[in-house]
Structures are given as C-alpha cells and as structure tokens.
C-alpha cells in the first residue's frame, strides 16, 4: 500500500486515537522488528492522517493478531558479536522532500532492532 497525504482527512477524535495507536505500535517494535518499517512509514502522516492511513494502521493490527507467536529468539551460542547497518534515502518523499533513515542491529545471530 502506497501512503500519501492527499486523501480525505479523518475526524479530530480519530487523529488523537491514531496517535495513541501508533505510539503503541512503536513500542511493540522493540520486540517485533518486523513492524518497524510499516510503523515508521505510517508515523510520517500523524499530523494529517487520512482514511488510507487509518486503514493501514488496521492492517498492521490485523497482522499482529495473526502472528502472536512471533518474537525475538536468542539461541545459545558463543557469538556475542554486535553488528549495525544503516541506510538513508535523501529527500525521497514526494510530498515533503524529507529523508528516510533505516537501520538494523544484530546481536549474535538475532535481529534485535
């Protein structure tokens, strides 16, 4: 789903609720790295969320409901190496020309962030 800022805006009460919901999803990202990208993309539109963003948030919640057994796994090993990778896309947002940054941190053989 491609998100953009040109749609019907949602009512003010839903904006406040969506900010709270996105905050909860961001918190879940600490133990569910598979959510990070989708929640990051969605959080860019918190100031002016549309029906499309509300639908995307519900899609993430449905995904969570269907994958409750997913989480981080730390197998026993002798490897305690920490790796970090990052990438940036300079000014790629068509609407705002903002940059997007992404990263991942791997501890041993597990993705932790």
PDB file of N, CA and C in Angstrom:
ATOM      1  N   UNK A   1       0.841  -1.162   0.000  1.00  0.00           N
ATOM      2  CA  UNK A   1       0.000   0.000   0.000  1.00  0.00           C
ATOM      3  C   UNK A   1       0.894   1.236   0.000  1.00  0.00           C
ATOM      4  N   UNK A   2       0.691   2.119  -0.931  1.00  0.00           N
ATOM      5  CA  UNK A   2       1.444   3.365  -1.007  1.00  0.00           C
ATOM      6  C   UNK A   2       0.663   4.431  -0.256  1.00  0.00           C
ATOM      7  N   UNK A   3       1.311   5.034   0.740  1.00  0.00           N
ATOM      8  CA  UNK A   3       0.651   6.057   1.540  1.00  0.00           C
ATOM      9  C   UNK A   3       0.999   7.433   1.009  1.00  0.00           C
ATOM     10  N   UNK A   4       0.023   8.319   0.953  1.00  0.00           N
ATOM     11  CA  UNK A   4       0.289   9.704   0.587  1.00  0.00           C
ATOM     12  C   UNK A   4      -0.605  10.604   1.420  1.00  0.00           C
ATOM     13  N   UNK A   5      -0.400  11.910   1.313  1.00  0.00           N
ATOM     14  CA  UNK A   5      -1.131  12.845   2.168  1.00  0.00           C
ATOM     15  C   UNK A   5      -2.301  13.516   1.459  1.00  0.00           C
ATOM     16  N   UNK A   6      -2.648  13.069   0.261  1.00  0.00           N
ATOM     17  CA  UNK A   6      -3.747  13.691  -0.482  1.00  0.00           C
ATOM     18  C   UNK A   6      -4.936  12.730  -0.478  1.00  0.00           C
ATOM     19  N   UNK A   7      -5.764  12.827   0.530  1.00  0.00           N
ATOM     20  CA  UNK A   7      -6.949  11.983   0.692  1.00  0.00           C
ATOM     21  C   UNK A   7      -7.927  12.742   1.570  1.00  0.00           C
ATOM     22  N   UNK A   8      -9.025  12.090   1.931  1.00  0.00           N
ATOM     23  CA  UNK A   8      -9.968  12.666   2.892  1.00  0.00           C
ATOM     24  C   UNK A   8      -9.381  12.557   4.291  1.00  0.00           C
ATOM     25  N   UNK A   9      -9.334  13.670   5.009  1.00  0.00           N
ATOM     26  CA  UNK A   9      -8.812  13.661   6.368  1.00  0.00           C
ATOM     27  C   UNK A   9      -9.807  12.986   7.299  1.00  0.00           C
ATOM     28  N   UNK A  10      -9.279  12.351   8.351  1.00  0.00           N
ATOM     29  CA  UNK A  10     -10.143  11.698   9.331  1.00  0.00           C
ATOM     30  C   UNK A  10     -10.541  12.714  10.400  1.00  0.00           C
ATOM     31  N   UNK A  11     -11.636  12.464  11.134  1.00  0.00           N
ATOM     32  CA  UNK A  11     -12.076  13.390  12.186  1.00  0.00           C
ATOM     33  C   UNK A  11     -11.027  13.554  13.285  1.00  0.00           C
ATOM     34  N   UNK A  12     -11.087  14.684  13.997  1.00  0.00           N
ATOM     35  CA  UNK A  12     -10.109  15.020  15.031  1.00  0.00           C
ATOM     36  C   UNK A  12     -10.014  13.937  16.106  1.00  0.00           C
ATOM     37  N   UNK A  13     -11.136  13.362  16.518  1.00  0.00           N
ATOM     38  CA  UNK A  13     -11.111  12.336  17.562  1.00  0.00           C
ATOM     39  C   UNK A  13     -10.337  11.105  17.108  1.00  0.00           C
ATOM     40  N   UNK A  14     -10.441  10.764  15.837  1.00  0.00           N
ATOM     41  CA  UNK A  14      -9.676   9.627  15.319  1.00  0.00           C
ATOM     42  C   UNK A  14      -8.198   9.958  15.207  1.00  0.00           C
ATOM     43  N   UNK A  15      -7.866  11.225  14.973  1.00  0.00           N
ATOM     44  CA  UNK A  15      -6.457  11.627  14.920  1.00  0.00           C
ATOM     45  C   UNK A  15      -5.811  11.361  16.271  1.00  0.00           C
ATOM     46  N   UNK A  16      -6.465  11.785  17.349  1.00  0.00           N
ATOM     47  CA  UNK A  16      -5.909  11.568  18.684  1.00  0.00           C
ATOM     48  C   UNK A  16      -5.773  10.084  18.983  1.00  0.00           C
ATOM     49  N   UNK A  17      -6.764   9.307  18.577  1.00  0.00           N
ATOM     50  CA  UNK A  17      -6.693   7.862  18.802  1.00  0.00           C
ATOM     51  C   UNK A  17      -5.580   7.234  17.965  1.00  0.00           C
ATOM     52  N   UNK A  18      -5.416   7.688  16.722  1.00  0.00           N
ATOM     53  CA  UNK A  18      -4.384   7.103  15.866  1.00  0.00           C
ATOM     54  C   UNK A  18      -2.991   7.434  16.384  1.00  0.00           C
ATOM     55  N   UNK A  19      -2.800   8.621  16.960  1.00  0.00           N
ATOM     56  CA  UNK A  19      -1.501   8.959  17.553  1.00  0.00           C
ATOM     57  C   UNK A  19      -1.196   8.000  18.694  1.00  0.00           C
ATOM     58  N   UNK A  20      -2.182   7.717  19.519  1.00  0.00           N
ATOM     59  CA  UNK A  20      -2.009   6.782  20.623  1.00  0.00           C
ATOM     60  C   UNK A  20      -1.707   5.381  20.104  1.00  0.00           C
ATOM     61  N   UNK A  21      -2.439   4.946  19.070  1.00  0.00           N
ATOM     62  CA  UNK A  21      -2.224   3.616  18.496  1.00  0.00           C
ATOM     63  C   UNK A  21      -0.840   3.485  17.872  1.00  0.00           C
ATOM     64  N   UNK A  22      -0.388   4.504  17.155  1.00  0.00           N
ATOM     65  CA  UNK A  22       0.941   4.455  16.543  1.00  0.00           C
ATOM     66  C   UNK A  22       2.010   4.409  17.628  1.00  0.00           C
ATOM     67  N   UNK A  23       1.802   5.131  18.721  1.00  0.00           N
ATOM     68  CA  UNK A  23       2.737   5.067  19.848  1.00  0.00           C
ATOM     69  C   UNK A  23       2.850   3.660  20.404  1.00  0.00           C
ATOM     70  N   UNK A  24       1.735   2.976  20.498  1.00  0.00           N
ATOM     71  CA  UNK A  24       1.754   1.587  20.973  1.00  0.00           C
ATOM     72  C   UNK A  24       2.485   0.681  19.984  1.00  0.00           C
ATOM     73  N   UNK A  25       2.251   0.896  18.702  1.00  0.00           N
ATOM     74  CA  UNK A  25       2.934   0.082  17.691  1.00  0.00           C
ATOM     75  C   UNK A  25       4.438   0.356  17.701  1.00  0.00           C
ATOM     76  N   UNK A  26       4.831   1.609  17.912  1.00  0.00           N
ATOM     77  CA  UNK A  26       6.259   1.930  18.015  1.00  0.00           C
ATOM     78  C   UNK A  26       6.885   1.200  19.199  1.00  0.00           C
ATOM     79  N   UNK A  27       6.177   1.141  20.316  1.00  0.00           N
ATOM     80  CA  UNK A  27       6.665   0.430  21.493  1.00  0.00           C
ATOM     81  C   UNK A  27       6.813  -1.062  21.199  1.00  0.00           C
ATOM     82  N   UNK A  28       5.848  -1.640  20.493  1.00  0.00           N
ATOM     83  CA  UNK A  28       5.929  -3.058  20.137  1.00  0.00           C
ATOM     84  C   UNK A  28       7.125  -3.354  19.235  1.00  0.00           C
ATOM     85  N   UNK A  29       7.572  -2.346  18.498  1.00  0.00           N
ATOM     86  CA  UNK A  29       8.715  -2.527  17.609  1.00  0.00           C
ATOM     87  C   UNK A  29       9.985  -2.953  18.323  1.00  0.00           C
ATOM     88  N   UNK A  30      10.065  -2.730  19.649  1.00  0.00           N
ATOM     89  CA  UNK A  30      11.246  -3.155  20.403  1.00  0.00           C
ATOM     90  C   UNK A  30      11.387  -4.670  20.415  1.00  0.00           C
ATOM     91  N   UNK A  31      10.281  -5.377  20.420  1.00  0.00           N
ATOM     92  CA  UNK A  31      10.336  -6.839  20.416  1.00  0.00           C
ATOM     93  C   UNK A  31       9.843  -7.442  19.106  1.00  0.00           C
ATOM     94  N   UNK A  32       9.361  -6.612  18.208  1.00  0.00           N
ATOM     95  CA  UNK A  32       8.868  -7.079  16.913  1.00  0.00           C
ATOM     96  C   UNK A  32       9.481  -6.238  15.795  1.00  0.00           C
ATOM     97  N   UNK A  33      10.748  -6.505  15.433  1.00  0.00           N
ATOM     98  CA  UNK A  33      11.391  -5.713  14.380  1.00  0.00           C
ATOM     99  C   UNK A  33      10.675  -5.784  13.036  1.00  0.00           C
ATOM    100  N   UNK A  34       9.843  -6.811  12.830  1.00  0.00           N
ATOM    101  CA  UNK A  34       9.109  -6.930  11.572  1.00  0.00           C
ATOM    102  C   UNK A  34       8.082  -5.811  11.404  1.00  0.00           C
ATOM    103  N   UNK A  35       7.755  -5.102  12.467  1.00  0.00           N
ATOM    104  CA  UNK A  35       6.796  -4.000  12.397  1.00  0.00           C
ATOM    105  C   UNK A  35       7.450  -2.659  12.085  1.00  0.00           C
ATOM    106  N   UNK A  36       8.744  -2.555  12.296  1.00  0.00           N
ATOM    107  CA  UNK A  36       9.429  -1.262  12.282  1.00  0.00           C
ATOM    108  C   UNK A  36       9.188  -0.451  11.020  1.00  0.00           C
ATOM    109  N   UNK A  37       9.353  -1.048   9.859  1.00  0.00           N
ATOM    110  CA  UNK A  37       9.233  -0.282   8.619  1.00  0.00           C
ATOM    111  C   UNK A  37       7.808   0.217   8.410  1.00  0.00           C
ATOM    112  N   UNK A  38       6.834  -0.663   8.586  1.00  0.00           N
ATOM    113  CA  UNK A  38       5.439  -0.270   8.356  1.00  0.00           C
ATOM    114  C   UNK A  38       5.010   0.832   9.323  1.00  0.00           C
ATOM    115  N   UNK A  39       5.390   0.709  10.587  1.00  0.00           N
ATOM    116  CA  UNK A  39       5.013   1.717  11.579  1.00  0.00           C
ATOM    117  C   UNK A  39       5.737   3.030  11.303  1.00  0.00           C
ATOM    118  N   UNK A  40       6.991   2.953  10.889  1.00  0.00           N
ATOM    119  CA  UNK A  40       7.743   4.172  10.563  1.00  0.00           C
ATOM    120  C   UNK A  40       7.094   4.903   9.396  1.00  0.00           C
ATOM    121  N   UNK A  41       6.688   4.163   8.373  1.00  0.00           N
ATOM    122  CA  UNK A  41       6.028   4.781   7.228  1.00  0.00           C
ATOM    123  C   UNK A  41       4.706   5.433   7.644  1.00  0.00           C
ATOM    124  N   UNK A  42       3.958   4.747   8.475  1.00  0.00           N
ATOM    125  CA  UNK A  42       2.668   5.256   8.924  1.00  0.00           C
ATOM    126  C   UNK A  42       2.822   6.482   9.822  1.00  0.00           C
ATOM    127  N   UNK A  43       3.850   6.500  10.652  1.00  0.00           N
ATOM    128  CA  UNK A  43       4.023   7.607  11.598  1.00  0.00           C
ATOM    129  C   UNK A  43       4.366   8.924  10.907  1.00  0.00           C
ATOM    130  N   UNK A  44       4.768   8.892   9.658  1.00  0.00           N
ATOM    131  CA  UNK A  44       5.069  10.121   8.925  1.00  0.00           C
ATOM    132  C   UNK A  44       3.818  10.966   8.688  1.00  0.00           C
ATOM    133  N   UNK A  45       2.649  10.365   8.805  1.00  0.00           N
ATOM    134  CA  UNK A  45       1.406  11.057   8.468  1.00  0.00           C
ATOM    135  C   UNK A  45       0.536  11.342   9.693  1.00  0.00           C
ATOM    136  N   UNK A  46       1.128  11.374  10.880  1.00  0.00           N
ATOM    137  CA  UNK A  46       0.342  11.578  12.094  1.00  0.00           C
ATOM    138  C   UNK A  46      -0.265  12.975  12.188  1.00  0.00           C
ATOM    139  N   UNK A  47       0.353  13.961  11.581  1.00  0.00           N
ATOM    140  CA  UNK A  47      -0.192  15.316  11.665  1.00  0.00           C
ATOM    141  C   UNK A  47      -1.483  15.463  10.868  1.00  0.00           C
ATOM    142  N   UNK A  48      -1.587  14.756   9.740  1.00  0.00           N
ATOM    143  CA  UNK A  48      -2.780  14.853   8.888  1.00  0.00           C
ATOM    144  C   UNK A  48      -3.161  13.467   8.371  1.00  0.00           C
ATOM    145  N   UNK A  49      -3.587  12.566   9.274  1.00  0.00           N
ATOM    146  CA  UNK A  49      -3.934  11.218   8.814  1.00  0.00           C
ATOM    147  C   UNK A  49      -5.214  11.216   7.982  1.00  0.00           C
ATOM    148  N   UNK A  50      -5.250  10.323   7.012  1.00  0.00           N
ATOM    149  CA  UNK A  50      -6.414  10.182   6.142  1.00  0.00           C
ATOM    150  C   UNK A  50      -7.047   8.808   6.361  1.00  0.00           C
ATOM    151  N   UNK A  51      -8.127   8.558   5.658  1.00  0.00           N
ATOM    152  CA  UNK A  51      -8.771   7.241   5.725  1.00  0.00           C
ATOM    153  C   UNK A  51      -7.796   6.139   5.332  1.00  0.00           C
ATOM    154  N   UNK A  52      -6.947   6.417   4.378  1.00  0.00           N
ATOM    155  CA  UNK A  52      -5.963   5.438   3.902  1.00  0.00           C
ATOM    156  C   UNK A  52      -4.982   5.069   5.023  1.00  0.00           C
ATOM    157  N   UNK A  53      -4.568   6.041   5.823  1.00  0.00           N
ATOM    158  CA  UNK A  53      -3.643   5.772   6.918  1.00  0.00           C
ATOM    159  C   UNK A  53      -4.333   4.973   8.020  1.00  0.00           C
ATOM    160  N   UNK A  54      -5.588   5.293   8.274  1.00  0.00           N
ATOM    161  CA  UNK A  54      -6.361   4.543   9.259  1.00  0.00           C
ATOM    162  C   UNK A  54      -6.489   3.083   8.820  1.00  0.00           C
ATOM    163  N   UNK A  55      -6.746   2.860   7.541  1.00  0.00           N
ATOM    164  CA  UNK A  55      -6.836   1.501   7.002  1.00  0.00           C
ATOM    165  C   UNK A  55      -5.501   0.775   7.134  1.00  0.00           C
ATOM    166  N   UNK A  56      -4.400   1.470   6.872  1.00  0.00           N
ATOM    167  CA  UNK A  56      -3.069   0.866   7.002  1.00  0.00           C
ATOM    168  C   UNK A  56      -2.786   0.487   8.452  1.00  0.00           C
ATOM    169  N   UNK A  57      -3.188   1.331   9.399  1.00  0.00           N
ATOM    170  CA  UNK A  57      -2.994   1.018  10.819  1.00  0.00           C
ATOM    171  C   UNK A  57      -3.790  -0.226  11.207  1.00  0.00           C
ATOM    172  N   UNK A  58      -5.015  -0.331  10.720  1.00  0.00           N
ATOM    173  CA  UNK A  58      -5.828  -1.520  10.998  1.00  0.00           C
ATOM    174  C   UNK A  58      -5.205  -2.767  10.376  1.00  0.00           C
ATOM    175  N   UNK A  59      -4.587  -2.618   9.215  1.00  0.00           N
ATOM    176  CA  UNK A  59      -3.906  -3.741   8.565  1.00  0.00           C
ATOM    177  C   UNK A  59      -2.753  -4.240   9.440  1.00  0.00           C
ATOM    178  N   UNK A  60      -1.992  -3.313  10.022  1.00  0.00           N
ATOM    179  CA  UNK A  60      -0.887  -3.699  10.907  1.00  0.00           C
ATOM    180  C   UNK A  60      -1.429  -4.433  12.132  1.00  0.00           C
ATOM    181  N   UNK A  61      -2.522  -3.940  12.702  1.00  0.00           N
ATOM    182  CA  UNK A  61      -3.113  -4.591  13.873  1.00  0.00           C
ATOM    183  C   UNK A  61      -3.606  -5.992  13.520  1.00  0.00           C
ATOM    184  N   UNK A  62      -4.215  -6.154  12.345  1.00  0.00           N
ATOM    185  CA  UNK A  62      -4.650  -7.494  11.912  1.00  0.00           C
ATOM    186  C   UNK A  62      -3.448  -8.418  11.712  1.00  0.00           C
ATOM    187  N   UNK A  63      -2.350  -7.883  11.183  1.00  0.00           N
ATOM    188  CA  UNK A  63      -1.129  -8.672  11.027  1.00  0.00           C
ATOM    189  C   UNK A  63      -0.630  -9.134  12.397  1.00  0.00           C
ATOM    190  N   UNK A  64      -0.635  -8.234  13.369  1.00  0.00           N
ATOM    191  CA  UNK A  64      -0.210  -8.590  14.725  1.00  0.00           C
ATOM    192  C   UNK A  64      -1.078  -9.696  15.306  1.00  0.00           C
ATOM    193  N   UNK A  65      -2.374  -9.567  15.114  1.00  0.00           N
ATOM    194  CA  UNK A  65      -3.305 -10.559  15.645  1.00  0.00           C
ATOM    195  C   UNK A  65      -3.042 -11.942  15.051  1.00  0.00           C
ATOM    196  N   UNK A  66      -2.633 -11.978  13.795  1.00  0.00           N
ATOM    197  CA  UNK A  66      -2.367 -13.252  13.135  1.00  0.00           C
ATOM    198  C   UNK A  66      -0.974 -13.802  13.366  1.00  0.00           C
ATOM    199  N   UNK A  67      -0.119 -13.044  14.049  1.00  0.00           N
ATOM    200  CA  UNK A  67       1.258 -13.503  14.266  1.00  0.00           C
ATOM    201  C   UNK A  67       1.681 -13.313  15.719  1.00  0.00           C
ATOM    202  N   UNK A  68       0.816 -13.710  16.637  1.00  0.00           N
ATOM    203  CA  UNK A  68       1.088 -13.518  18.062  1.00  0.00           C
ATOM    204  C   UNK A  68       2.290 -14.315  18.558  1.00  0.00           C
ATOM    205  N   UNK A  69       2.604 -15.427  17.908  1.00  0.00           N
ATOM    206  CA  UNK A  69       3.713 -16.267  18.356  1.00  0.00           C
ATOM    207  C   UNK A  69       5.065 -15.800  17.832  1.00  0.00           C
ATOM    208  N   UNK A  70       5.095 -14.725  17.070  1.00  0.00           N
ATOM    209  CA  UNK A  70       6.341 -14.216  16.507  1.00  0.00           C
ATOM    210  C   UNK A  70       7.018 -13.303  17.518  1.00  0.00           C
ATOM    211  N   UNK A  71       8.334 -13.417  17.621  1.00  0.00           N
ATOM    212  CA  UNK A  71       9.091 -12.562  18.535  1.00  0.00           C
ATOM    213  C   UNK A  71      10.573 -12.780  18.339  1.00  0.00           C
ATOM    214  N   UNK A  72      11.364 -12.207  19.213  1.00  0.00           N
ATOM    215  CA  UNK A  72      12.809 -12.372  19.126  1.00  0.00           C
ATOM    216  C   UNK A  72      13.217 -13.709  19.723  1.00  0.00           C
ATOM    217  N   UNK A  73      14.234 -14.322  19.131  1.00  0.00           N
ATOM    218  CA  UNK A  73      14.758 -15.596  19.612  1.00  0.00           C
ATOM    219  C   UNK A  73      16.260 -15.462  19.750  1.00  0.00           C
ATOM    220  N   UNK A  74      16.790 -15.793  20.918  1.00  0.00           N
ATOM    221  CA  UNK A  74      18.225 -15.725  21.163  1.00  0.00           C
ATOM    222  C   UNK A  74      18.748 -17.130  21.425  1.00  0.00           C
ATOM    223  N   UNK A  75      19.279 -17.789  20.389  1.00  0.00           N
ATOM    224  CA  UNK A  75      19.798 -19.146  20.586  1.00  0.00           C
ATOM    225  C   UNK A  75      21.083 -19.116  21.412  1.00  0.00           C
ATOM    226  N   UNK A  76      21.326 -20.201  22.133  1.00  0.00           N
ATOM    227  CA  UNK A  76      22.567 -20.311  22.902  1.00  0.00           C
ATOM    228  C   UNK A  76      23.729 -20.448  21.928  1.00  0.00           C
ATOM    229  N   UNK A  77      24.708 -19.569  22.066  1.00  0.00           N
ATOM    230  CA  UNK A  77      25.882 -19.637  21.194  1.00  0.00           C
ATOM    231  C   UNK A  77      27.037 -18.914  21.860  1.00  0.00           C
ATOM    232  N   UNK A  78      28.206 -19.086  21.290  1.00  0.00           N
ATOM    233  CA  UNK A  78      29.393 -18.416  21.806  1.00  0.00           C
ATOM    234  C   UNK A  78      29.602 -17.060  21.146  1.00  0.00           C
ATOM    235  N   UNK A  79      28.786 -16.723  20.183  1.00  0.00           N
ATOM    236  CA  UNK A  79      28.955 -15.489  19.431  1.00  0.00           C
ATOM    237  C   UNK A  79      28.191 -14.345  20.095  1.00  0.00           C
ATOM    238  N   UNK A  80      28.927 -13.408  20.642  1.00  0.00           N
ATOM    239  CA  UNK A  80      28.309 -12.225  21.230  1.00  0.00           C
ATOM    240  C   UNK A  80      28.712 -10.985  20.449  1.00  0.00           C
ATOM    241  N   UNK A  81      28.792 -11.132  19.138  1.00  0.00           N
ATOM    242  CA  UNK A  81      29.169 -10.002  18.292  1.00  0.00           C
ATOM    243  C   UNK A  81      27.951  -9.137  18.007  1.00  0.00           C
ATOM    244  N   UNK A  82      28.201  -7.852  17.923  1.00  0.00           N
ATOM    245  CA  UNK A  82      27.153  -6.882  17.648  1.00  0.00           C
ATOM    246  C   UNK A  82      27.451  -6.222  16.314  1.00  0.00           C
ATOM    247  N   UNK A  83      26.482  -6.286  15.398  1.00  0.00           N
ATOM    248  CA  UNK A  83      26.621  -5.668  14.082  1.00  0.00           C
ATOM    249  C   UNK A  83      25.518  -4.634  13.918  1.00  0.00           C
ATOM    250  N   UNK A  84      25.849  -3.530  13.274  1.00  0.00           N
ATOM    251  CA  UNK A  84      24.846  -2.500  12.998  1.00  0.00           C
ATOM    252  C   UNK A  84      24.982  -2.074  11.544  1.00  0.00           C
ATOM    253  N   UNK A  85      23.858  -1.943  10.880  1.00  0.00           N
ATOM    254  CA  UNK A  85      23.808  -1.499   9.492  1.00  0.00           C
ATOM    255  C   UNK A  85      22.809  -0.351   9.394  1.00  0.00           C
ATOM    256  N   UNK A  86      23.102   0.602   8.536  1.00  0.00           N
ATOM    257  CA  UNK A  86      22.200   1.734   8.363  1.00  0.00           C
ATOM    258  C   UNK A  86      22.139   2.136   6.898  1.00  0.00           C
ATOM    259  N   UNK A  87      21.065   2.798   6.531  1.00  0.00           N
ATOM    260  CA  UNK A  87      20.898   3.293   5.169  1.00  0.00           C
ATOM    261  C   UNK A  87      20.033   4.545   5.233  1.00  0.00           C
ATOM    262  N   UNK A  88      20.215   5.418   4.275  1.00  0.00           N
ATOM    263  CA  UNK A  88      19.431   6.648   4.234  1.00  0.00           C
ATOM    264  C   UNK A  88      19.014   6.921   2.797  1.00  0.00           C
ATOM    265  N   UNK A  89      17.853   7.490   2.643  1.00  0.00           N
ATOM    266  CA  UNK A  89      17.339   7.872   1.337  1.00  0.00           C
ATOM    267  C   UNK A  89      17.091   9.373   1.399  1.00  0.00           C
ATOM    268  N   UNK A  90      17.974  10.152   0.805  1.00  0.00           N
ATOM    269  CA  UNK A  90      17.947  11.604   0.940  1.00  0.00           C
ATOM    270  C   UNK A  90      16.807  12.236   0.149  1.00  0.00           C
ATOM    271  N   UNK A  91      15.872  12.850   0.850  1.00  0.00           N
ATOM    272  CA  UNK A  91      14.813  13.643   0.236  1.00  0.00           C
ATOM    273  C   UNK A  91      13.907  12.905  -0.719  1.00  0.00           C
ATOM    274  N   UNK A  92      13.598  11.656  -0.437  1.00  0.00           N
ATOM    275  CA  UNK A  92      12.835  10.855  -1.395  1.00  0.00           C
ATOM    276  C   UNK A  92      11.323  11.013  -1.274  1.00  0.00           C
ATOM    277  N   UNK A  93      10.835  11.551  -0.167  1.00  0.00           N
ATOM    278  CA  UNK A  93       9.387  11.715  -0.001  1.00  0.00           C
ATOM    279  C   UNK A  93       8.887  12.761  -0.990  1.00  0.00           C
ATOM    280  N   UNK A  94       7.994  12.362  -1.864  1.00  0.00           N
ATOM    281  CA  UNK A  94       7.497  13.248  -2.913  1.00  0.00           C
ATOM    282  C   UNK A  94       6.729  14.434  -2.328  1.00  0.00           C
ATOM    283  N   UNK A  95       5.994  14.195  -1.243  1.00  0.00           N
ATOM    284  CA  UNK A  95       5.167  15.252  -0.659  1.00  0.00           C
ATOM    285  C   UNK A  95       5.975  16.297   0.106  1.00  0.00           C
ATOM    286  N   UNK A  96       6.962  15.853   0.888  1.00  0.00           N
ATOM    287  CA  UNK A  96       7.669  16.772   1.788  1.00  0.00           C
ATOM    288  C   UNK A  96       9.155  16.910   1.500  1.00  0.00           C
ATOM    289  N   UNK A  97       9.693  16.077   0.648  1.00  0.00           N
ATOM    290  CA  UNK A  97      11.135  16.020   0.354  1.00  0.00           C
ATOM    291  C   UNK A  97      11.957  15.677   1.593  1.00  0.00           C
ATOM    292  N   UNK A  98      11.353  15.002   2.542  1.00  0.00           N
ATOM    293  CA  UNK A  98      12.067  14.565   3.737  1.00  0.00           C
ATOM    294  C   UNK A  98      12.882  13.320   3.425  1.00  0.00           C
ATOM    295  N   UNK A  99      13.909  13.115   4.215  1.00  0.00           N
ATOM    296  CA  UNK A  99      14.746  11.931   4.080  1.00  0.00           C
ATOM    297  C   UNK A  99      14.216  10.822   4.985  1.00  0.00           C
ATOM    298  N   UNK A 100      14.522   9.590   4.617  1.00  0.00           N
ATOM    299  CA  UNK A 100      14.116   8.436   5.407  1.00  0.00           C
ATOM    300  C   UNK A 100      15.367   7.650   5.766  1.00  0.00           C
ATOM    301  N   UNK A 101      15.491   7.295   7.037  1.00  0.00           N
ATOM    302  CA  UNK A 101      16.637   6.537   7.521  1.00  0.00           C
ATOM    303  C   UNK A 101      16.154   5.183   8.017  1.00  0.00           C
ATOM    304  N   UNK A 102      16.944   4.159   7.773  1.00  0.00           N
ATOM    305  CA  UNK A 102      16.635   2.836   8.282  1.00  0.00           C
ATOM    306  C   UNK A 102      17.877   2.216   8.883  1.00  0.00           C
ATOM    307  N   UNK A 103      17.685   1.312   9.827  1.00  0.00           N
ATOM    308  CA  UNK A 103      18.831   0.653  10.441  1.00  0.00           C
ATOM    309  C   UNK A 103      18.414  -0.719  10.947  1.00  0.00           C
ATOM    310  N   UNK A 104      19.405  -1.563  11.175  1.00  0.00           N
ATOM    311  CA  UNK A 104      19.169  -2.824  11.863  1.00  0.00           C
ATOM    312  C   UNK A 104      20.385  -3.128  12.725  1.00  0.00           C
ATOM    313  N   UNK A 105      20.132  -3.747  13.860  1.00  0.00           N
ATOM    314  CA  UNK A 105      21.196  -4.133  14.780  1.00  0.00           C
ATOM    315  C   UNK A 105      21.039  -5.626  15.036  1.00  0.00           C
ATOM    316  N   UNK A 106      22.141  -6.349  14.883  1.00  0.00           N
ATOM    317  CA  UNK A 106      22.137  -7.803  15.032  1.00  0.00           C
ATOM    318  C   UNK A 106      23.061  -8.176  16.183  1.00  0.00           C
ATOM    319  N   UNK A 107      22.542  -8.948  17.129  1.00  0.00           N
ATOM    320  CA  UNK A 107      23.326  -9.438  18.261  1.00  0.00           C
ATOM    321  C   UNK A 107      23.436 -10.946  18.124  1.00  0.00           C
ATOM    322  N   UNK A 108      24.662 -11.446  17.949  1.00  0.00           N
ATOM    323  CA  UNK A 108      24.845 -12.867  17.678  1.00  0.00           C
ATOM    324  C   UNK A 108      24.239 -13.189  16.329  1.00  0.00           C
ATOM    325  N   UNK A 109      23.197 -13.998  16.325  1.00  0.00           N
ATOM    326  CA  UNK A 109      22.503 -14.300  15.073  1.00  0.00           C
ATOM    327  C   UNK A 109      21.057 -13.799  15.092  1.00  0.00           C
ATOM    328  N   UNK A 110      20.739 -12.897  16.031  1.00  0.00           N
ATOM    329  CA  UNK A 110      19.362 -12.414  16.167  1.00  0.00           C
ATOM    330  C   UNK A 110      19.261 -10.926  15.865  1.00  0.00           C
ATOM    331  N   UNK A 111      18.269 -10.577  15.074  1.00  0.00           N
ATOM    332  CA  UNK A 111      17.968  -9.177  14.812  1.00  0.00           C
ATOM    333  C   UNK A 111      17.289  -8.608  16.054  1.00  0.00           C
ATOM    334  N   UNK A 112      17.887  -7.562  16.649  1.00  0.00           N
ATOM    335  CA  UNK A 112      17.310  -7.019  17.884  1.00  0.00           C
ATOM    336  C   UNK A 112      16.689  -5.646  17.693  1.00  0.00           C
ATOM    337  N   UNK A 113      17.033  -4.949  16.612  1.00  0.00           N
ATOM    338  CA  UNK A 113      16.432  -3.633  16.389  1.00  0.00           C
ATOM    339  C   UNK A 113      16.544  -3.269  14.927  1.00  0.00           C
TER     340      UNK A 113
END
